[in-house]
C-alpha cells in the first residue's frame, strides 16, 4: 500500500497579504512533523514566495520580525517539499529560494492531485 500524501496548492495566497500565506505553511509544517509526506506547490499569486526576497520581506510578527521565509525554512526542515509552477516563475522571476526543490508545470499538479493516495488542499 502506498503512503498517503498531502498536496498543498498555494495559488490564491498573496504574499502582500501575509495572513493568507501563514495558515497553509503552518499546516504543512505540522503535517510533516506528524510524519506525513507533504508537498507545497507555489503557483499563481503565491509563486512570488519562491522568488528570493519576497518571503524574506513579508513579516508575520512585527515584534519578532519573523517572516514568511522563516516559516518556509521551518517547514522545509520538518520535511516539507516545495515546488514552484513554471508559469508563475515566468511572471515573478527566476532567482529561487533554496528550499524550492523543483519547477513543475500544470500537468504535474493535476497528476498529483488526481492520485488516489493524495489529499489536496488549495489556498
N, C-alpha and C. Protein backbone atom coordinates (compact mmCIF):
# COMPACT_ATOMS: atom_id res chain seq x y z
N UNK A 1 0.84 -1.19 0.00
CA UNK A 1 0.00 0.00 0.00
C UNK A 1 0.88 1.25 0.00
N UNK A 2 0.55 2.19 -0.86
CA UNK A 2 1.30 3.44 -0.94
C UNK A 2 0.93 4.36 0.21
N UNK A 3 1.91 5.12 0.65
CA UNK A 3 1.70 6.10 1.71
C UNK A 3 0.89 7.28 1.18
N UNK A 4 -0.02 7.78 2.00
CA UNK A 4 -0.81 8.96 1.63
C UNK A 4 0.08 10.20 1.61
N UNK A 5 -0.27 11.09 0.74
CA UNK A 5 0.48 12.33 0.59
C UNK A 5 -0.47 13.51 0.74
N UNK A 6 0.02 14.58 1.36
CA UNK A 6 -0.73 15.83 1.44
C UNK A 6 -0.11 16.79 0.44
N UNK A 7 -0.92 17.22 -0.51
CA UNK A 7 -0.50 18.20 -1.51
C UNK A 7 -1.19 19.51 -1.19
N UNK A 8 -0.41 20.54 -0.93
CA UNK A 8 -0.96 21.86 -0.66
C UNK A 8 -0.63 22.74 -1.85
N UNK A 9 -1.67 23.19 -2.55
CA UNK A 9 -1.50 24.04 -3.71
C UNK A 9 -1.83 25.47 -3.29
N UNK A 10 -0.81 26.30 -3.26
CA UNK A 10 -0.99 27.70 -2.88
C UNK A 10 -1.06 28.52 -4.17
N UNK A 11 -2.27 28.91 -4.54
CA UNK A 11 -2.41 29.70 -5.77
C UNK A 11 -2.99 31.08 -5.50
N UNK A 12 -3.87 31.20 -4.54
CA UNK A 12 -4.50 32.48 -4.23
C UNK A 12 -3.93 33.13 -2.98
N UNK A 13 -2.93 32.51 -2.39
CA UNK A 13 -2.28 33.07 -1.20
C UNK A 13 -1.34 34.17 -1.66
N UNK A 14 -1.67 35.39 -1.30
CA UNK A 14 -0.98 36.58 -1.78
C UNK A 14 0.11 37.01 -0.80
N UNK A 15 1.38 37.00 -1.21
CA UNK A 15 2.46 37.42 -0.31
C UNK A 15 2.29 38.83 0.24
N UNK A 16 1.51 39.67 -0.44
CA UNK A 16 1.25 41.01 0.07
C UNK A 16 0.23 40.99 1.21
N UNK A 17 -0.45 39.88 1.38
CA UNK A 17 -1.41 39.68 2.47
C UNK A 17 -0.91 38.48 3.27
N UNK A 18 0.04 38.75 4.14
CA UNK A 18 0.77 37.71 4.87
C UNK A 18 -0.16 36.69 5.52
N UNK A 19 -1.28 37.16 6.05
CA UNK A 19 -2.19 36.24 6.74
C UNK A 19 -2.78 35.19 5.80
N UNK A 20 -2.78 35.42 4.50
CA UNK A 20 -3.31 34.42 3.56
C UNK A 20 -2.28 33.33 3.28
N UNK A 21 -1.03 33.55 3.66
CA UNK A 21 0.05 32.59 3.41
C UNK A 21 0.42 31.79 4.65
N UNK A 22 0.16 32.35 5.80
CA UNK A 22 0.63 31.72 7.03
C UNK A 22 -0.02 30.36 7.28
N UNK A 23 -1.33 30.26 7.19
CA UNK A 23 -2.04 29.01 7.54
C UNK A 23 -1.59 27.82 6.70
N UNK A 24 -1.52 27.92 5.36
CA UNK A 24 -1.09 26.74 4.61
C UNK A 24 0.34 26.31 4.93
N UNK A 25 1.23 27.26 5.17
CA UNK A 25 2.60 26.91 5.51
C UNK A 25 2.68 26.27 6.90
N UNK A 26 1.90 26.81 7.83
CA UNK A 26 1.86 26.24 9.18
C UNK A 26 1.28 24.82 9.15
N UNK A 27 0.20 24.62 8.40
CA UNK A 27 -0.41 23.28 8.29
C UNK A 27 0.56 22.30 7.64
N UNK A 28 1.29 22.74 6.65
CA UNK A 28 2.28 21.87 6.01
C UNK A 28 3.34 21.43 7.02
N UNK A 29 3.80 22.37 7.84
CA UNK A 29 4.82 22.08 8.84
C UNK A 29 4.31 21.06 9.85
N UNK A 30 3.10 21.26 10.33
CA UNK A 30 2.51 20.34 11.31
C UNK A 30 2.35 18.95 10.71
N UNK A 31 1.84 18.87 9.48
CA UNK A 31 1.65 17.57 8.83
C UNK A 31 2.98 16.84 8.66
N UNK A 32 4.02 17.57 8.27
CA UNK A 32 5.35 16.95 8.12
C UNK A 32 5.89 16.49 9.48
N UNK A 33 5.66 17.31 10.51
CA UNK A 33 6.10 16.94 11.85
C UNK A 33 5.39 15.68 12.35
N UNK A 34 4.20 15.44 11.82
CA UNK A 34 3.43 14.24 12.16
C UNK A 34 3.80 13.06 11.24
N UNK A 35 4.90 13.22 10.51
CA UNK A 35 5.45 12.19 9.63
C UNK A 35 4.67 11.93 8.36
N UNK A 36 3.88 12.91 7.92
CA UNK A 36 3.19 12.78 6.64
C UNK A 36 4.09 13.27 5.51
N UNK A 37 3.88 12.72 4.33
CA UNK A 37 4.58 13.18 3.14
C UNK A 37 3.85 14.43 2.67
N UNK A 38 4.53 15.58 2.66
CA UNK A 38 3.88 16.85 2.37
C UNK A 38 4.63 17.58 1.26
N UNK A 39 3.85 18.06 0.30
CA UNK A 39 4.41 18.84 -0.80
C UNK A 39 3.60 20.12 -0.95
N UNK A 40 4.30 21.25 -1.07
CA UNK A 40 3.65 22.53 -1.29
C UNK A 40 4.04 23.02 -2.68
N UNK A 41 3.03 23.41 -3.45
CA UNK A 41 3.25 23.96 -4.78
C UNK A 41 2.94 25.45 -4.74
N UNK A 42 3.93 26.28 -5.09
CA UNK A 42 3.70 27.71 -5.23
C UNK A 42 3.28 27.97 -6.68
N UNK A 43 2.09 28.50 -6.85
CA UNK A 43 1.59 28.82 -8.19
C UNK A 43 0.73 30.07 -8.09
N UNK A 44 0.34 30.64 -9.20
CA UNK A 44 -0.49 31.85 -9.17
C UNK A 44 0.17 32.94 -8.36
N UNK A 45 -0.63 33.64 -7.54
CA UNK A 45 -0.11 34.73 -6.71
C UNK A 45 1.03 34.30 -5.80
N UNK A 46 0.93 33.09 -5.26
CA UNK A 46 1.95 32.65 -4.30
C UNK A 46 3.26 32.28 -4.98
N UNK A 47 3.30 32.22 -6.29
CA UNK A 47 4.54 31.93 -7.00
C UNK A 47 5.66 32.88 -6.61
N UNK A 48 5.29 34.08 -6.21
CA UNK A 48 6.28 35.07 -5.78
C UNK A 48 7.03 34.63 -4.52
N UNK A 49 6.41 33.75 -3.71
CA UNK A 49 7.09 33.27 -2.50
C UNK A 49 8.33 32.45 -2.83
N UNK A 50 8.39 31.90 -4.03
CA UNK A 50 9.54 31.10 -4.45
C UNK A 50 10.71 31.96 -4.88
N UNK A 51 10.47 33.24 -5.05
CA UNK A 51 11.50 34.16 -5.55
C UNK A 51 12.26 34.79 -4.38
N UNK A 52 13.57 34.77 -4.47
CA UNK A 52 14.42 35.36 -3.43
C UNK A 52 13.97 36.81 -3.16
N UNK A 53 13.80 37.11 -1.88
CA UNK A 53 13.47 38.47 -1.46
C UNK A 53 12.01 38.67 -1.08
N UNK A 54 11.10 37.93 -1.69
CA UNK A 54 9.68 38.13 -1.41
C UNK A 54 9.30 37.68 -0.01
N UNK A 55 9.53 36.40 0.30
CA UNK A 55 9.15 35.87 1.61
C UNK A 55 9.98 36.48 2.73
N UNK A 56 11.23 36.85 2.41
CA UNK A 56 12.10 37.46 3.42
C UNK A 56 11.58 38.82 3.87
N UNK A 57 10.85 39.50 3.01
CA UNK A 57 10.34 40.84 3.33
C UNK A 57 8.93 40.83 3.92
N UNK A 58 8.29 39.68 3.93
CA UNK A 58 6.90 39.58 4.42
C UNK A 58 6.90 39.21 5.89
N UNK A 59 6.77 40.21 6.76
CA UNK A 59 6.81 39.97 8.20
C UNK A 59 5.48 39.45 8.72
N UNK A 60 5.58 38.34 9.47
CA UNK A 60 4.41 37.73 10.09
C UNK A 60 4.19 38.34 11.47
N UNK A 61 5.28 38.61 12.16
CA UNK A 61 5.21 39.17 13.50
C UNK A 61 6.11 40.40 13.55
N UNK A 62 5.50 41.55 13.72
CA UNK A 62 6.26 42.81 13.70
C UNK A 62 7.18 42.96 14.90
N UNK A 63 6.84 42.34 16.02
CA UNK A 63 7.68 42.44 17.21
C UNK A 63 8.95 41.60 17.07
N UNK A 64 8.79 40.36 16.61
CA UNK A 64 9.95 39.47 16.50
C UNK A 64 10.60 39.55 15.12
N UNK A 65 9.94 40.23 14.19
CA UNK A 65 10.41 40.35 12.80
C UNK A 65 10.48 38.99 12.10
N UNK A 66 9.66 38.06 12.55
CA UNK A 66 9.58 36.73 11.92
C UNK A 66 8.91 36.91 10.55
N UNK A 67 9.46 36.27 9.55
CA UNK A 67 8.96 36.43 8.18
C UNK A 67 8.36 35.14 7.64
N UNK A 68 7.70 35.26 6.49
CA UNK A 68 7.21 34.06 5.81
C UNK A 68 8.38 33.15 5.42
N UNK A 69 9.51 33.73 5.13
CA UNK A 69 10.67 32.90 4.79
C UNK A 69 11.11 32.07 5.99
N UNK A 70 11.05 32.63 7.19
CA UNK A 70 11.36 31.86 8.39
C UNK A 70 10.44 30.64 8.49
N UNK A 71 9.17 30.84 8.17
CA UNK A 71 8.20 29.75 8.24
C UNK A 71 8.47 28.72 7.15
N UNK A 72 8.81 29.18 5.96
CA UNK A 72 9.16 28.26 4.87
C UNK A 72 10.38 27.41 5.26
N UNK A 73 11.39 28.04 5.85
CA UNK A 73 12.58 27.29 6.29
C UNK A 73 12.22 26.25 7.34
N UNK A 74 11.37 26.62 8.30
CA UNK A 74 10.95 25.67 9.34
C UNK A 74 10.19 24.49 8.73
N UNK A 75 9.32 24.80 7.77
CA UNK A 75 8.56 23.74 7.10
C UNK A 75 9.50 22.79 6.35
N UNK A 76 10.46 23.36 5.65
CA UNK A 76 11.43 22.56 4.90
C UNK A 76 12.23 21.67 5.85
N UNK A 77 12.67 22.23 6.97
CA UNK A 77 13.41 21.46 7.97
C UNK A 77 12.56 20.33 8.54
N UNK A 78 11.24 20.53 8.61
CA UNK A 78 10.33 19.50 9.12
C UNK A 78 10.08 18.40 8.08
N UNK A 79 10.50 18.66 6.82
CA UNK A 79 10.34 17.64 5.79
C UNK A 79 9.43 18.01 4.64
N UNK A 80 8.92 19.22 4.62
CA UNK A 80 8.04 19.66 3.53
C UNK A 80 8.88 19.86 2.27
N UNK A 81 8.35 19.37 1.16
CA UNK A 81 8.97 19.57 -0.15
C UNK A 81 8.27 20.75 -0.82
N UNK A 82 9.05 21.69 -1.35
CA UNK A 82 8.50 22.85 -2.04
C UNK A 82 8.81 22.77 -3.53
N UNK A 83 7.79 23.07 -4.33
CA UNK A 83 7.95 23.12 -5.78
C UNK A 83 7.27 24.39 -6.26
N UNK A 84 7.69 24.88 -7.42
CA UNK A 84 7.12 26.12 -7.96
C UNK A 84 6.68 25.89 -9.40
N UNK A 85 5.56 26.50 -9.74
CA UNK A 85 4.99 26.39 -11.08
C UNK A 85 5.78 27.23 -12.08
N UNK A 86 6.15 26.63 -13.18
CA UNK A 86 6.92 27.32 -14.22
C UNK A 86 6.26 28.62 -14.68
N UNK A 87 4.96 28.57 -14.92
CA UNK A 87 4.26 29.75 -15.42
C UNK A 87 4.32 30.90 -14.43
N UNK A 88 4.15 30.60 -13.15
CA UNK A 88 4.24 31.64 -12.12
C UNK A 88 5.63 32.24 -12.09
N UNK A 89 6.64 31.40 -12.25
CA UNK A 89 8.01 31.89 -12.21
C UNK A 89 8.31 32.79 -13.40
N UNK A 90 7.72 32.50 -14.54
CA UNK A 90 7.92 33.35 -15.71
C UNK A 90 7.38 34.75 -15.45
N UNK A 91 6.33 34.85 -14.64
CA UNK A 91 5.74 36.15 -14.32
C UNK A 91 6.45 36.83 -13.15
N UNK A 92 6.99 36.03 -12.22
CA UNK A 92 7.51 36.58 -10.97
C UNK A 92 9.02 36.76 -10.95
N UNK A 93 9.74 35.92 -11.63
CA UNK A 93 11.20 36.00 -11.60
C UNK A 93 11.82 34.62 -11.58
N UNK A 94 13.13 34.58 -11.66
CA UNK A 94 13.82 33.30 -11.81
C UNK A 94 14.77 32.96 -10.67
N UNK A 95 15.10 33.90 -9.78
CA UNK A 95 16.05 33.65 -8.70
C UNK A 95 15.31 32.99 -7.54
N UNK A 96 15.40 31.65 -7.44
CA UNK A 96 14.59 30.90 -6.48
C UNK A 96 15.25 30.75 -5.12
N UNK A 97 14.41 30.71 -4.08
CA UNK A 97 14.90 30.40 -2.74
C UNK A 97 15.40 28.95 -2.76
N UNK A 98 16.36 28.66 -1.90
CA UNK A 98 16.98 27.33 -1.93
C UNK A 98 16.04 26.21 -1.51
N UNK A 99 14.94 26.52 -0.82
CA UNK A 99 14.01 25.48 -0.38
C UNK A 99 13.15 24.93 -1.52
N UNK A 100 13.07 25.63 -2.63
CA UNK A 100 12.31 25.14 -3.79
C UNK A 100 13.16 24.09 -4.48
N UNK A 101 12.67 22.86 -4.48
CA UNK A 101 13.44 21.75 -4.99
C UNK A 101 13.24 21.47 -6.48
N UNK A 102 12.13 21.99 -7.03
CA UNK A 102 11.84 21.65 -8.42
C UNK A 102 10.85 22.63 -9.01
N UNK A 103 10.98 22.83 -10.32
CA UNK A 103 10.00 23.59 -11.09
C UNK A 103 9.06 22.57 -11.72
N UNK A 104 7.76 22.85 -11.68
CA UNK A 104 6.79 21.92 -12.24
C UNK A 104 5.79 22.67 -13.11
N UNK A 105 5.09 21.92 -13.93
CA UNK A 105 4.06 22.50 -14.78
C UNK A 105 2.67 22.10 -14.30
N UNK A 106 1.68 22.59 -14.99
CA UNK A 106 0.28 22.32 -14.63
C UNK A 106 -0.03 20.83 -14.68
N UNK A 107 0.53 20.11 -15.63
CA UNK A 107 0.26 18.68 -15.75
C UNK A 107 0.72 17.94 -14.49
N UNK A 108 1.85 18.34 -13.92
CA UNK A 108 2.34 17.72 -12.69
C UNK A 108 1.34 17.92 -11.56
N UNK A 109 0.87 19.16 -11.40
CA UNK A 109 -0.07 19.47 -10.32
C UNK A 109 -1.34 18.65 -10.47
N UNK A 110 -1.86 18.58 -11.68
CA UNK A 110 -3.10 17.82 -11.93
C UNK A 110 -2.87 16.34 -11.67
N UNK A 111 -1.77 15.78 -12.16
CA UNK A 111 -1.47 14.36 -11.92
C UNK A 111 -1.39 14.05 -10.43
N UNK A 112 -0.68 14.89 -9.69
CA UNK A 112 -0.55 14.67 -8.25
C UNK A 112 -1.90 14.78 -7.54
N UNK A 113 -2.68 15.78 -7.89
CA UNK A 113 -3.98 15.99 -7.24
C UNK A 113 -4.94 14.85 -7.53
N UNK A 114 -4.83 14.23 -8.69
CA UNK A 114 -5.74 13.15 -9.08
C UNK A 114 -5.33 11.79 -8.53
N UNK A 115 -4.14 11.69 -7.99
CA UNK A 115 -3.66 10.42 -7.46
C UNK A 115 -4.53 10.00 -6.27
N UNK A 116 -4.93 8.75 -6.25
CA UNK A 116 -5.83 8.27 -5.18
C UNK A 116 -5.17 8.27 -3.81
N UNK A 117 -3.85 8.34 -3.76
CA UNK A 117 -3.14 8.37 -2.48
C UNK A 117 -2.78 9.79 -2.03
N UNK A 118 -3.36 10.77 -2.69
CA UNK A 118 -3.07 12.17 -2.37
C UNK A 118 -4.32 12.89 -1.90
N UNK A 119 -4.17 13.62 -0.81
CA UNK A 119 -5.20 14.54 -0.36
C UNK A 119 -4.71 15.93 -0.70
N UNK A 120 -5.57 16.72 -1.36
CA UNK A 120 -5.16 18.04 -1.83
C UNK A 120 -5.90 19.15 -1.10
N UNK A 121 -5.16 20.09 -0.58
CA UNK A 121 -5.70 21.32 0.00
C UNK A 121 -5.31 22.44 -0.95
N UNK A 122 -6.20 23.39 -1.18
CA UNK A 122 -5.87 24.54 -2.02
C UNK A 122 -6.12 25.83 -1.23
N UNK A 123 -5.24 26.77 -1.45
CA UNK A 123 -5.32 28.06 -0.78
C UNK A 123 -5.09 29.16 -1.77
